[in-house]
Amino acid sequence: MGDFYLMKYPVISKSDRKYRVDVREDIIYRGHVMCGIFKPFEKRTIFGNKKVVFKKLNNTSIFRNVYNEEKWGYDYIAIALREIEKYEKSVQDALKCERNRSEGARKFEEWSGETQ
């Protein structure tokens, strides 16, 4: 394997969000690829021109988001879609946790302190 790198933008998720997806060979594990997902942001340069920049959303460090190419049938589209689904699920889980925490805090504040 040589320098293997694929990049696609935009990739539109089921929730209509746009991402950039990078699939590249893993430098540690032979026959594996890493998949990074990025969110686009519009930024203005010092000359006032618009420029699209990307923020990385998932962790592609060692042991994370590494896919065995043969096991996945070299289906890089499926790998990219899986990463996006995992990311969007983690965002939904975090929002749910935050809502539950707020609700629990509200109930605690309203609690009289008495035991039943």
PDB file of N, CA and C in Angstrom:
ATOM      1  N   MET A   1       0.832  -1.180   0.000  1.00  0.00           N
ATOM      2  CA  MET A   1       0.000   0.000   0.000  1.00  0.00           C
ATOM      3  C   MET A   1       0.875   1.242   0.000  1.00  0.00           C
ATOM      4  N   GLY A   2       0.495   2.211  -0.762  1.00  0.00           N
ATOM      5  CA  GLY A   2       1.245   3.458  -0.816  1.00  0.00           C
ATOM      6  C   GLY A   2       0.574   4.525   0.018  1.00  0.00           C
ATOM      7  N   ASP A   3       0.670   5.745  -0.452  1.00  0.00           N
ATOM      8  CA  ASP A   3      -0.005   6.846   0.217  1.00  0.00           C
ATOM      9  C   ASP A   3      -1.463   6.852  -0.217  1.00  0.00           C
ATOM     10  N   PHE A   4      -2.308   6.216   0.573  1.00  0.00           N
ATOM     11  CA  PHE A   4      -3.721   6.070   0.250  1.00  0.00           C
ATOM     12  C   PHE A   4      -4.512   7.124   0.996  1.00  0.00           C
ATOM     13  N   TYR A   5      -5.204   7.990   0.260  1.00  0.00           N
ATOM     14  CA  TYR A   5      -5.975   9.071   0.877  1.00  0.00           C
ATOM     15  C   TYR A   5      -7.167   9.399  -0.011  1.00  0.00           C
ATOM     16  N   LEU A   6      -8.368   9.330   0.579  1.00  0.00           N
ATOM     17  CA  LEU A   6      -9.600   9.703  -0.110  1.00  0.00           C
ATOM     18  C   LEU A   6     -10.258  10.826   0.676  1.00  0.00           C
ATOM     19  N   MET A   7     -10.846  11.784  -0.036  1.00  0.00           N
ATOM     20  CA  MET A   7     -11.536  12.881   0.621  1.00  0.00           C
ATOM     21  C   MET A   7     -12.791  13.205  -0.185  1.00  0.00           C
ATOM     22  N   LYS A   8     -13.913  13.410   0.524  1.00  0.00           N
ATOM     23  CA  LYS A   8     -15.170  13.740  -0.146  1.00  0.00           C
ATOM     24  C   LYS A   8     -15.859  14.854   0.636  1.00  0.00           C
ATOM     25  N   TYR A   9     -16.258  15.896  -0.092  1.00  0.00           N
ATOM     26  CA  TYR A   9     -17.035  16.991   0.481  1.00  0.00           C
ATOM     27  C   TYR A   9     -17.943  17.538  -0.600  1.00  0.00           C
ATOM     28  N   PRO A  10     -19.201  17.724  -0.343  1.00  0.00           N
ATOM     29  CA  PRO A  10     -19.902  17.427   0.900  1.00  0.00           C
ATOM     30  C   PRO A  10     -20.443  16.004   0.918  1.00  0.00           C
ATOM     31  N   VAL A  11     -20.508  15.467   2.105  1.00  0.00           N
ATOM     32  CA  VAL A  11     -21.231  14.227   2.359  1.00  0.00           C
ATOM     33  C   VAL A  11     -22.419  14.654   3.210  1.00  0.00           C
ATOM     34  N   ILE A  12     -23.609  14.391   2.726  1.00  0.00           N
ATOM     35  CA  ILE A  12     -24.818  14.855   3.404  1.00  0.00           C
ATOM     36  C   ILE A  12     -25.434  13.693   4.167  1.00  0.00           C
ATOM     37  N   SER A  13     -25.589  13.879   5.465  1.00  0.00           N
ATOM     38  CA  SER A  13     -26.112  12.817   6.326  1.00  0.00           C
ATOM     39  C   SER A  13     -27.625  12.721   6.196  1.00  0.00           C
ATOM     40  N   LYS A  14     -28.189  11.702   6.846  1.00  0.00           N
ATOM     41  CA  LYS A  14     -29.644  11.522   6.859  1.00  0.00           C
ATOM     42  C   LYS A  14     -30.341  12.713   7.514  1.00  0.00           C
ATOM     43  N   SER A  15     -29.629  13.413   8.398  1.00  0.00           N
ATOM     44  CA  SER A  15     -30.209  14.577   9.075  1.00  0.00           C
ATOM     45  C   SER A  15     -29.906  15.874   8.313  1.00  0.00           C
ATOM     46  N   ASP A  16     -29.465  15.751   7.069  1.00  0.00           N
ATOM     47  CA  ASP A  16     -29.176  16.889   6.177  1.00  0.00           C
ATOM     48  C   ASP A  16     -28.019  17.771   6.633  1.00  0.00           C
ATOM     49  N   ARG A  17     -27.131  17.243   7.418  1.00  0.00           N
ATOM     50  CA  ARG A  17     -25.926  17.987   7.791  1.00  0.00           C
ATOM     51  C   ARG A  17     -24.815  17.650   6.797  1.00  0.00           C
ATOM     52  N   LYS A  18     -23.977  18.633   6.518  1.00  0.00           N
ATOM     53  CA  LYS A  18     -22.869  18.437   5.583  1.00  0.00           C
ATOM     54  C   LYS A  18     -21.576  18.185   6.350  1.00  0.00           C
ATOM     55  N   TYR A  19     -20.820  17.220   5.857  1.00  0.00           N
ATOM     56  CA  TYR A  19     -19.529  16.877   6.445  1.00  0.00           C
ATOM     57  C   TYR A  19     -18.495  16.689   5.339  1.00  0.00           C
ATOM     58  N   ARG A  20     -17.234  16.800   5.731  1.00  0.00           N
ATOM     59  CA  ARG A  20     -16.140  16.333   4.877  1.00  0.00           C
ATOM     60  C   ARG A  20     -15.660  15.036   5.498  1.00  0.00           C
ATOM     61  N   VAL A  21     -15.425  14.044   4.669  1.00  0.00           N
ATOM     62  CA  VAL A  21     -14.959  12.750   5.154  1.00  0.00           C
ATOM     63  C   VAL A  21     -13.612  12.453   4.522  1.00  0.00           C
ATOM     64  N   ASP A  22     -12.653  12.075   5.351  1.00  0.00           N
ATOM     65  CA  ASP A  22     -11.327  11.661   4.887  1.00  0.00           C
ATOM     66  C   ASP A  22     -11.118  10.203   5.260  1.00  0.00           C
ATOM     67  N   VAL A  23     -10.718   9.395   4.302  1.00  0.00           N
ATOM     68  CA  VAL A  23     -10.366   8.001   4.560  1.00  0.00           C
ATOM     69  C   VAL A  23      -8.915   7.856   4.131  1.00  0.00           C
ATOM     70  N   ARG A  24      -8.073   7.404   5.051  1.00  0.00           N
ATOM     71  CA  ARG A  24      -6.654   7.255   4.723  1.00  0.00           C
ATOM     72  C   ARG A  24      -6.104   6.002   5.373  1.00  0.00           C
ATOM     73  N   GLU A  25      -5.003   5.545   4.815  1.00  0.00           N
ATOM     74  CA  GLU A  25      -4.411   4.331   5.355  1.00  0.00           C
ATOM     75  C   GLU A  25      -3.889   4.583   6.757  1.00  0.00           C
ATOM     76  N   ASP A  26      -3.997   3.581   7.585  1.00  0.00           N
ATOM     77  CA  ASP A  26      -3.487   3.672   8.940  1.00  0.00           C
ATOM     78  C   ASP A  26      -1.986   3.407   8.909  1.00  0.00           C
ATOM     79  N   ILE A  27      -1.215   4.239   9.583  1.00  0.00           N
ATOM     80  CA  ILE A  27       0.243   4.096   9.526  1.00  0.00           C
ATOM     81  C   ILE A  27       0.761   3.002  10.452  1.00  0.00           C
ATOM     82  N   ILE A  28      -0.074   2.506  11.352  1.00  0.00           N
ATOM     83  CA  ILE A  28       0.368   1.476  12.290  1.00  0.00           C
ATOM     84  C   ILE A  28      -0.078   0.092  11.845  1.00  0.00           C
ATOM     85  N   TYR A  29      -1.360  -0.036  11.468  1.00  0.00           N
ATOM     86  CA  TYR A  29      -1.907  -1.334  11.121  1.00  0.00           C
ATOM     87  C   TYR A  29      -2.024  -1.487   9.610  1.00  0.00           C
ATOM     88  N   ARG A  30      -1.294  -2.432   9.076  1.00  0.00           N
ATOM     89  CA  ARG A  30      -1.343  -2.710   7.645  1.00  0.00           C
ATOM     90  C   ARG A  30      -2.721  -3.276   7.287  1.00  0.00           C
ATOM     91  N   GLY A  31      -3.269  -2.812   6.168  1.00  0.00           N
ATOM     92  CA  GLY A  31      -4.567  -3.295   5.721  1.00  0.00           C
ATOM     93  C   GLY A  31      -5.741  -2.646   6.433  1.00  0.00           C
ATOM     94  N   HIS A  32      -5.485  -1.552   7.127  1.00  0.00           N
ATOM     95  CA  HIS A  32      -6.529  -0.834   7.840  1.00  0.00           C
ATOM     96  C   HIS A  32      -6.553   0.625   7.369  1.00  0.00           C
ATOM     97  N   VAL A  33      -7.728   1.241   7.493  1.00  0.00           N
ATOM     98  CA  VAL A  33      -7.866   2.664   7.180  1.00  0.00           C
ATOM     99  C   VAL A  33      -8.488   3.378   8.378  1.00  0.00           C
ATOM    100  N   MET A  34      -8.228   4.669   8.432  1.00  0.00           N
ATOM    101  CA  MET A  34      -8.838   5.527   9.444  1.00  0.00           C
ATOM    102  C   MET A  34      -9.804   6.455   8.734  1.00  0.00           C
ATOM    103  N   CYS A  35     -10.887   6.797   9.403  1.00  0.00           N
ATOM    104  CA  CYS A  35     -11.903   7.655   8.805  1.00  0.00           C
ATOM    105  C   CYS A  35     -12.125   8.866   9.708  1.00  0.00           C
ATOM    106  N   GLY A  36     -11.850  10.047   9.172  1.00  0.00           N
ATOM    107  CA  GLY A  36     -12.069  11.282   9.910  1.00  0.00           C
ATOM    108  C   GLY A  36     -13.255  12.025   9.333  1.00  0.00           C
ATOM    109  N   ILE A  37     -14.046  12.649  10.204  1.00  0.00           N
ATOM    110  CA  ILE A  37     -15.151  13.473   9.734  1.00  0.00           C
ATOM    111  C   ILE A  37     -14.955  14.897  10.242  1.00  0.00           C
ATOM    112  N   PHE A  38     -15.328  15.849   9.397  1.00  0.00           N
ATOM    113  CA  PHE A  38     -15.073  17.261   9.656  1.00  0.00           C
ATOM    114  C   PHE A  38     -16.324  18.076   9.348  1.00  0.00           C
ATOM    115  N   LYS A  39     -16.537  19.128  10.128  1.00  0.00           N
ATOM    116  CA  LYS A  39     -17.666  20.026   9.924  1.00  0.00           C
ATOM    117  C   LYS A  39     -17.150  21.298   9.247  1.00  0.00           C
ATOM    118  N   PRO A  40     -17.843  21.751   8.195  1.00  0.00           N
ATOM    119  CA  PRO A  40     -17.403  22.973   7.516  1.00  0.00           C
ATOM    120  C   PRO A  40     -17.856  24.234   8.262  1.00  0.00           C
ATOM    121  N   PHE A  41     -17.005  25.252   8.244  1.00  0.00           N
ATOM    122  CA  PHE A  41     -17.322  26.566   8.781  1.00  0.00           C
ATOM    123  C   PHE A  41     -16.897  27.598   7.754  1.00  0.00           C
ATOM    124  N   GLU A  42     -17.682  28.646   7.651  1.00  0.00           N
ATOM    125  CA  GLU A  42     -17.291  29.739   6.773  1.00  0.00           C
ATOM    126  C   GLU A  42     -16.554  30.764   7.603  1.00  0.00           C
ATOM    127  N   LYS A  43     -15.423  31.207   7.101  1.00  0.00           N
ATOM    128  CA  LYS A  43     -14.586  32.147   7.824  1.00  0.00           C
ATOM    129  C   LYS A  43     -14.172  33.242   6.854  1.00  0.00           C
ATOM    130  N   ARG A  44     -13.986  34.436   7.353  1.00  0.00           N
ATOM    131  CA  ARG A  44     -13.529  35.538   6.505  1.00  0.00           C
ATOM    132  C   ARG A  44     -12.030  35.730   6.699  1.00  0.00           C
ATOM    133  N   THR A  45     -11.345  35.956   5.591  1.00  0.00           N
ATOM    134  CA  THR A  45      -9.906  36.211   5.654  1.00  0.00           C
ATOM    135  C   THR A  45      -9.691  37.670   6.041  1.00  0.00           C
ATOM    136  N   ILE A  46      -8.457  38.054   6.246  1.00  0.00           N
ATOM    137  CA  ILE A  46      -8.168  39.444   6.618  1.00  0.00           C
ATOM    138  C   ILE A  46      -8.513  40.409   5.481  1.00  0.00           C
ATOM    139  N   PHE A  47      -8.659  39.880   4.259  1.00  0.00           N
ATOM    140  CA  PHE A  47      -9.043  40.711   3.123  1.00  0.00           C
ATOM    141  C   PHE A  47     -10.555  40.706   2.894  1.00  0.00           C
ATOM    142  N   GLY A  48     -11.311  40.051   3.777  1.00  0.00           N
ATOM    143  CA  GLY A  48     -12.760  40.031   3.684  1.00  0.00           C
ATOM    144  C   GLY A  48     -13.327  38.939   2.800  1.00  0.00           C
ATOM    145  N   ASN A  49     -12.482  38.100   2.245  1.00  0.00           N
ATOM    146  CA  ASN A  49     -12.963  37.001   1.407  1.00  0.00           C
ATOM    147  C   ASN A  49     -13.486  35.866   2.278  1.00  0.00           C
ATOM    148  N   LYS A  50     -14.481  35.144   1.755  1.00  0.00           N
ATOM    149  CA  LYS A  50     -15.010  33.995   2.475  1.00  0.00           C
ATOM    150  C   LYS A  50     -14.154  32.773   2.181  1.00  0.00           C
ATOM    151  N   LYS A  51     -13.935  31.983   3.225  1.00  0.00           N
ATOM    152  CA  LYS A  51     -13.116  30.782   3.107  1.00  0.00           C
ATOM    153  C   LYS A  51     -13.780  29.684   3.937  1.00  0.00           C
ATOM    154  N   VAL A  52     -13.831  28.476   3.402  1.00  0.00           N
ATOM    155  CA  VAL A  52     -14.391  27.352   4.151  1.00  0.00           C
ATOM    156  C   VAL A  52     -13.245  26.645   4.870  1.00  0.00           C
ATOM    157  N   VAL A  53     -13.407  26.485   6.184  1.00  0.00           N
ATOM    158  CA  VAL A  53     -12.436  25.741   6.992  1.00  0.00           C
ATOM    159  C   VAL A  53     -13.185  24.576   7.637  1.00  0.00           C
ATOM    160  N   PHE A  54     -12.434  23.601   8.091  1.00  0.00           N
ATOM    161  CA  PHE A  54     -13.052  22.395   8.632  1.00  0.00           C
ATOM    162  C   PHE A  54     -12.545  22.114  10.043  1.00  0.00           C
ATOM    163  N   LYS A  55     -13.477  21.699  10.904  1.00  0.00           N
ATOM    164  CA  LYS A  55     -13.140  21.306  12.272  1.00  0.00           C
ATOM    165  C   LYS A  55     -13.334  19.806  12.390  1.00  0.00           C
ATOM    166  N   LYS A  56     -12.332  19.119  12.906  1.00  0.00           N
ATOM    167  CA  LYS A  56     -12.411  17.670  13.073  1.00  0.00           C
ATOM    168  C   LYS A  56     -13.387  17.338  14.197  1.00  0.00           C
ATOM    169  N   LEU A  57     -14.266  16.371  13.923  1.00  0.00           N
ATOM    170  CA  LEU A  57     -15.312  16.023  14.879  1.00  0.00           C
ATOM    171  C   LEU A  57     -15.069  14.714  15.613  1.00  0.00           C
ATOM    172  N   ASN A  58     -14.276  13.832  15.040  1.00  0.00           N
ATOM    173  CA  ASN A  58     -14.060  12.540  15.692  1.00  0.00           C
ATOM    174  C   ASN A  58     -12.574  12.332  15.931  1.00  0.00           C
ATOM    175  N   ASN A  59     -12.279  11.390  16.780  1.00  0.00           N
ATOM    176  CA  ASN A  59     -10.899  11.122  17.162  1.00  0.00           C
ATOM    177  C   ASN A  59     -10.353   9.979  16.308  1.00  0.00           C
ATOM    178  N   THR A  60      -9.314  10.237  15.555  1.00  0.00           N
ATOM    179  CA  THR A  60      -8.708   9.185  14.741  1.00  0.00           C
ATOM    180  C   THR A  60      -7.324   8.828  15.272  1.00  0.00           C
ATOM    181  N   SER A  61      -7.151   8.978  16.572  1.00  0.00           N
ATOM    182  CA  SER A  61      -5.874   8.584  17.158  1.00  0.00           C
ATOM    183  C   SER A  61      -5.794   7.060  17.217  1.00  0.00           C
ATOM    184  N   ILE A  62      -4.710   6.558  17.743  1.00  0.00           N
ATOM    185  CA  ILE A  62      -4.465   5.116  17.774  1.00  0.00           C
ATOM    186  C   ILE A  62      -5.641   4.362  18.396  1.00  0.00           C
ATOM    187  N   PHE A  63      -6.012   3.253  17.779  1.00  0.00           N
ATOM    188  CA  PHE A  63      -7.088   2.351  18.208  1.00  0.00           C
ATOM    189  C   PHE A  63      -8.494   2.927  18.043  1.00  0.00           C
ATOM    190  N   ARG A  64      -8.653   4.079  17.416  1.00  0.00           N
ATOM    191  CA  ARG A  64      -9.979   4.674  17.283  1.00  0.00           C
ATOM    192  C   ARG A  64     -10.304   4.879  15.817  1.00  0.00           C
ATOM    193  N   ASN A  65     -11.493   4.497  15.432  1.00  0.00           N
ATOM    194  CA  ASN A  65     -11.995   4.694  14.083  1.00  0.00           C
ATOM    195  C   ASN A  65     -11.102   4.057  13.025  1.00  0.00           C
ATOM    196  N   VAL A  66     -10.537   2.895  13.374  1.00  0.00           N
ATOM    197  CA  VAL A  66      -9.688   2.145  12.460  1.00  0.00           C
ATOM    198  C   VAL A  66     -10.503   0.975  11.923  1.00  0.00           C
ATOM    199  N   TYR A  67     -10.494   0.812  10.622  1.00  0.00           N
ATOM    200  CA  TYR A  67     -11.315  -0.207   9.969  1.00  0.00           C
ATOM    201  C   TYR A  67     -10.442  -1.149   9.149  1.00  0.00           C
ATOM    202  N   ASN A  68     -10.689  -2.426   9.298  1.00  0.00           N
ATOM    203  CA  ASN A  68     -10.020  -3.442   8.498  1.00  0.00           C
ATOM    204  C   ASN A  68     -10.639  -3.406   7.103  1.00  0.00           C
ATOM    205  N   GLU A  69      -9.818  -3.071   6.116  1.00  0.00           N
ATOM    206  CA  GLU A  69     -10.336  -2.909   4.751  1.00  0.00           C
ATOM    207  C   GLU A  69     -10.958  -4.191   4.212  1.00  0.00           C
ATOM    208  N   GLU A  70     -10.301  -5.310   4.437  1.00  0.00           N
ATOM    209  CA  GLU A  70     -10.801  -6.575   3.904  1.00  0.00           C
ATOM    210  C   GLU A  70     -12.134  -6.948   4.550  1.00  0.00           C
ATOM    211  N   LYS A  71     -12.216  -6.779   5.866  1.00  0.00           N
ATOM    212  CA  LYS A  71     -13.453  -7.098   6.588  1.00  0.00           C
ATOM    213  C   LYS A  71     -14.611  -6.234   6.085  1.00  0.00           C
ATOM    214  N   TRP A  72     -14.343  -4.994   5.759  1.00  0.00           N
ATOM    215  CA  TRP A  72     -15.367  -4.079   5.278  1.00  0.00           C
ATOM    216  C   TRP A  72     -15.545  -4.181   3.759  1.00  0.00           C
ATOM    217  N   GLY A  73     -14.862  -5.101   3.130  1.00  0.00           N
ATOM    218  CA  GLY A  73     -15.013  -5.302   1.688  1.00  0.00           C
ATOM    219  C   GLY A  73     -14.547  -4.114   0.861  1.00  0.00           C
ATOM    220  N   TYR A  74     -13.618  -3.352   1.399  1.00  0.00           N
ATOM    221  CA  TYR A  74     -13.087  -2.161   0.735  1.00  0.00           C
ATOM    222  C   TYR A  74     -14.208  -1.175   0.386  1.00  0.00           C
ATOM    223  N   ASP A  75     -15.269  -1.194   1.183  1.00  0.00           N
ATOM    224  CA  ASP A  75     -16.411  -0.307   0.970  1.00  0.00           C
ATOM    225  C   ASP A  75     -16.203   0.955   1.812  1.00  0.00           C
ATOM    226  N   TYR A  76     -15.491   1.910   1.239  1.00  0.00           N
ATOM    227  CA  TYR A  76     -15.146   3.132   1.960  1.00  0.00           C
ATOM    228  C   TYR A  76     -16.369   4.019   2.188  1.00  0.00           C
ATOM    229  N   ILE A  77     -17.382   3.862   1.349  1.00  0.00           N
ATOM    230  CA  ILE A  77     -18.628   4.599   1.546  1.00  0.00           C
ATOM    231  C   ILE A  77     -19.298   4.126   2.839  1.00  0.00           C
ATOM    232  N   ALA A  78     -19.380   2.813   3.028  1.00  0.00           N
ATOM    233  CA  ALA A  78     -19.991   2.256   4.242  1.00  0.00           C
ATOM    234  C   ALA A  78     -19.216   2.689   5.489  1.00  0.00           C
ATOM    235  N   ILE A  79     -17.909   2.732   5.386  1.00  0.00           N
ATOM    236  CA  ILE A  79     -17.080   3.171   6.515  1.00  0.00           C
ATOM    237  C   ILE A  79     -17.390   4.626   6.843  1.00  0.00           C
ATOM    238  N   ALA A  80     -17.457   5.472   5.828  1.00  0.00           N
ATOM    239  CA  ALA A  80     -17.742   6.894   6.039  1.00  0.00           C
ATOM    240  C   ALA A  80     -19.131   7.086   6.659  1.00  0.00           C
ATOM    241  N   LEU A  81     -20.111   6.374   6.134  1.00  0.00           N
ATOM    242  CA  LEU A  81     -21.471   6.500   6.665  1.00  0.00           C
ATOM    243  C   LEU A  81     -21.553   6.017   8.109  1.00  0.00           C
ATOM    244  N   ARG A  82     -20.821   4.970   8.435  1.00  0.00           N
ATOM    245  CA  ARG A  82     -20.805   4.461   9.810  1.00  0.00           C
ATOM    246  C   ARG A  82     -20.231   5.504  10.759  1.00  0.00           C
ATOM    247  N   GLU A  83     -19.150   6.155  10.353  1.00  0.00           N
ATOM    248  CA  GLU A  83     -18.546   7.183  11.206  1.00  0.00           C
ATOM    249  C   GLU A  83     -19.498   8.350  11.431  1.00  0.00           C
ATOM    250  N   ILE A  84     -20.188   8.761  10.374  1.00  0.00           N
ATOM    251  CA  ILE A  84     -21.141   9.866  10.509  1.00  0.00           C
ATOM    252  C   ILE A  84     -22.281   9.461  11.440  1.00  0.00           C
ATOM    253  N   GLU A  85     -22.808   8.256  11.270  1.00  0.00           N
ATOM    254  CA  GLU A  85     -23.882   7.781  12.138  1.00  0.00           C
ATOM    255  C   GLU A  85     -23.425   7.708  13.592  1.00  0.00           C
ATOM    256  N   LYS A  86     -22.206   7.193  13.824  1.00  0.00           N
ATOM    257  CA  LYS A  86     -21.673   7.132  15.189  1.00  0.00           C
ATOM    258  C   LYS A  86     -21.561   8.533  15.790  1.00  0.00           C
ATOM    259  N   TYR A  87     -21.063   9.482  15.003  1.00  0.00           N
ATOM    260  CA  TYR A  87     -20.896  10.847  15.504  1.00  0.00           C
ATOM    261  C   TYR A  87     -22.258  11.465  15.840  1.00  0.00           C
ATOM    262  N   GLU A  88     -23.215  11.365  14.908  1.00  0.00           N
ATOM    263  CA  GLU A  88     -24.519  11.972  15.146  1.00  0.00           C
ATOM    264  C   GLU A  88     -25.240  11.316  16.322  1.00  0.00           C
ATOM    265  N   LYS A  89     -25.055  10.010  16.512  1.00  0.00           N
ATOM    266  CA  LYS A  89     -25.648   9.331  17.670  1.00  0.00           C
ATOM    267  C   LYS A  89     -25.012   9.833  18.962  1.00  0.00           C
ATOM    268  N   SER A  90     -23.694  10.051  18.947  1.00  0.00           N
ATOM    269  CA  SER A  90     -23.027  10.547  20.152  1.00  0.00           C
ATOM    270  C   SER A  90     -23.509  11.955  20.503  1.00  0.00           C
ATOM    271  N   VAL A  91     -23.780  12.774  19.500  1.00  0.00           N
ATOM    272  CA  VAL A  91     -24.322  14.113  19.750  1.00  0.00           C
ATOM    273  C   VAL A  91     -25.718  14.010  20.359  1.00  0.00           C
ATOM    274  N   GLN A  92     -26.559  13.139  19.798  1.00  0.00           N
ATOM    275  CA  GLN A  92     -27.908  12.947  20.338  1.00  0.00           C
ATOM    276  C   GLN A  92     -27.857  12.421  21.769  1.00  0.00           C
ATOM    277  N   ASP A  93     -26.943  11.479  22.034  1.00  0.00           N
ATOM    278  CA  ASP A  93     -26.801  10.936  23.391  1.00  0.00           C
ATOM    279  C   ASP A  93     -26.363  12.018  24.372  1.00  0.00           C
ATOM    280  N   ALA A  94     -25.447  12.888  23.950  1.00  0.00           N
ATOM    281  CA  ALA A  94     -24.974  13.969  24.815  1.00  0.00           C
ATOM    282  C   ALA A  94     -26.100  14.956  25.107  1.00  0.00           C
ATOM    283  N   LEU A  95     -26.917  15.270  24.087  1.00  0.00           N
ATOM    284  CA  LEU A  95     -28.054  16.172  24.303  1.00  0.00           C
ATOM    285  C   LEU A  95     -29.077  15.558  25.258  1.00  0.00           C
ATOM    286  N   LYS A  96     -29.327  14.262  25.087  1.00  0.00           N
ATOM    287  CA  LYS A  96     -30.267  13.566  25.970  1.00  0.00           C
ATOM    288  C   LYS A  96     -29.751  13.581  27.407  1.00  0.00           C
ATOM    289  N   CYS A  97     -28.464  13.326  27.582  1.00  0.00           N
ATOM    290  CA  CYS A  97     -27.856  13.338  28.915  1.00  0.00           C
ATOM    291  C   CYS A  97     -27.975  14.719  29.551  1.00  0.00           C
ATOM    292  N   GLU A  98     -27.726  15.751  28.758  1.00  0.00           N
ATOM    293  CA  GLU A  98     -27.817  17.118  29.272  1.00  0.00           C
ATOM    294  C   GLU A  98     -29.253  17.464  29.668  1.00  0.00           C
ATOM    295  N   ARG A  99     -30.228  17.045  28.857  1.00  0.00           N
ATOM    296  CA  ARG A  99     -31.641  17.271  29.209  1.00  0.00           C
ATOM    297  C   ARG A  99     -31.993  16.539  30.499  1.00  0.00           C
ATOM    298  N   ASN A 100     -31.562  15.280  30.622  1.00  0.00           N
ATOM    299  CA  ASN A 100     -31.842  14.502  31.834  1.00  0.00           C
ATOM    300  C   ASN A 100     -31.182  15.129  33.051  1.00  0.00           C
ATOM    301  N   ARG A 101     -29.978  15.621  32.893  1.00  0.00           N
ATOM    302  CA  ARG A 101     -29.272  16.259  34.005  1.00  0.00           C
ATOM    303  C   ARG A 101     -30.013  17.521  34.443  1.00  0.00           C
ATOM    304  N   SER A 102     -30.442  18.322  33.484  1.00  0.00           N
ATOM    305  CA  SER A 102     -31.180  19.551  33.811  1.00  0.00           C
ATOM    306  C   SER A 102     -32.491  19.227  34.524  1.00  0.00           C
ATOM    307  N   GLU A 103     -33.180  18.208  34.028  1.00  0.00           N
ATOM    308  CA  GLU A 103     -34.436  17.790  34.649  1.00  0.00           C
ATOM    309  C   GLU A 103     -34.191  17.284  36.067  1.00  0.00           C
ATOM    310  N   GLY A 104     -33.139  16.492  36.246  1.00  0.00           N
ATOM    311  CA  GLY A 104     -32.804  15.998  37.581  1.00  0.00           C
ATOM    312  C   GLY A 104     -32.440  17.125  38.531  1.00  0.00           C
ATOM    313  N   ALA A 105     -31.706  18.116  38.047  1.00  0.00           N
ATOM    314  CA  ALA A 105     -31.335  19.263  38.878  1.00  0.00           C
ATOM    315  C   ALA A 105     -32.569  20.083  39.253  1.00  0.00           C
ATOM    316  N   ARG A 106     -33.486  20.248  38.284  1.00  0.00           N
ATOM    317  CA  ARG A 106     -34.716  20.993  38.550  1.00  0.00           C
ATOM    318  C   ARG A 106     -35.526  20.286  39.636  1.00  0.00           C
ATOM    319  N   LYS A 107     -35.668  18.970  39.537  1.00  0.00           N
ATOM    320  CA  LYS A 107     -36.422  18.201  40.531  1.00  0.00           C
ATOM    321  C   LYS A 107     -35.759  18.287  41.900  1.00  0.00           C
ATOM    322  N   PHE A 108     -34.422  18.257  41.920  1.00  0.00           N
ATOM    323  CA  PHE A 108     -33.691  18.358  43.182  1.00  0.00           C
ATOM    324  C   PHE A 108     -33.940  19.704  43.832  1.00  0.00           C
ATOM    325  N   GLU A 109     -33.922  20.776  43.047  1.00  0.00           N
ATOM    326  CA  GLU A 109     -34.165  22.120  43.583  1.00  0.00           C
ATOM    327  C   GLU A 109     -35.577  22.252  44.137  1.00  0.00           C
ATOM    328  N   GLU A 110     -36.530  21.599  43.486  1.00  0.00           N
ATOM    329  CA  GLU A 110     -37.925  21.670  43.932  1.00  0.00           C
ATOM    330  C   GLU A 110     -38.223  20.743  45.109  1.00  0.00           C
ATOM    331  N   TRP A 111     -37.367  19.816  45.375  1.00  0.00           N
ATOM    332  CA  TRP A 111     -37.547  18.832  46.431  1.00  0.00           C
ATOM    333  C   TRP A 111     -37.549  19.544  47.796  1.00  0.00           C
ATOM    334  N   SER A 112     -38.478  19.191  48.653  1.00  0.00           N
ATOM    335  CA  SER A 112     -38.585  19.832  49.967  1.00  0.00           C
ATOM    336  C   SER A 112     -37.511  19.343  50.937  1.00  0.00           C
ATOM    337  N   GLY A 113     -36.872  18.231  50.607  1.00  0.00           N
ATOM    338  CA  GLY A 113     -35.875  17.690  51.506  1.00  0.00           C
ATOM    339  C   GLY A 113     -36.428  16.635  52.446  1.00  0.00           C
ATOM    340  N   GLU A 114     -37.720  16.444  52.389  1.00  0.00           N
ATOM    341  CA  GLU A 114     -38.353  15.463  53.251  1.00  0.00           C
ATOM    342  C   GLU A 114     -38.261  14.084  52.644  1.00  0.00           C
ATOM    343  N   THR A 115     -38.157  13.095  53.524  1.00  0.00           N
ATOM    344  CA  THR A 115     -38.194  11.697  53.070  1.00  0.00           C
ATOM    345  C   THR A 115     -39.610  11.180  53.218  1.00  0.00           C
ATOM    346  N   GLN A 116     -39.973  10.227  52.392  1.00  0.00           N
ATOM    347  CA  GLN A 116     -41.336   9.691  52.471  1.00  0.00           C
ATOM    348  C   GLN A 116     -41.455   8.686  53.566  1.00  0.00           C
TER     349      GLN A 116
END
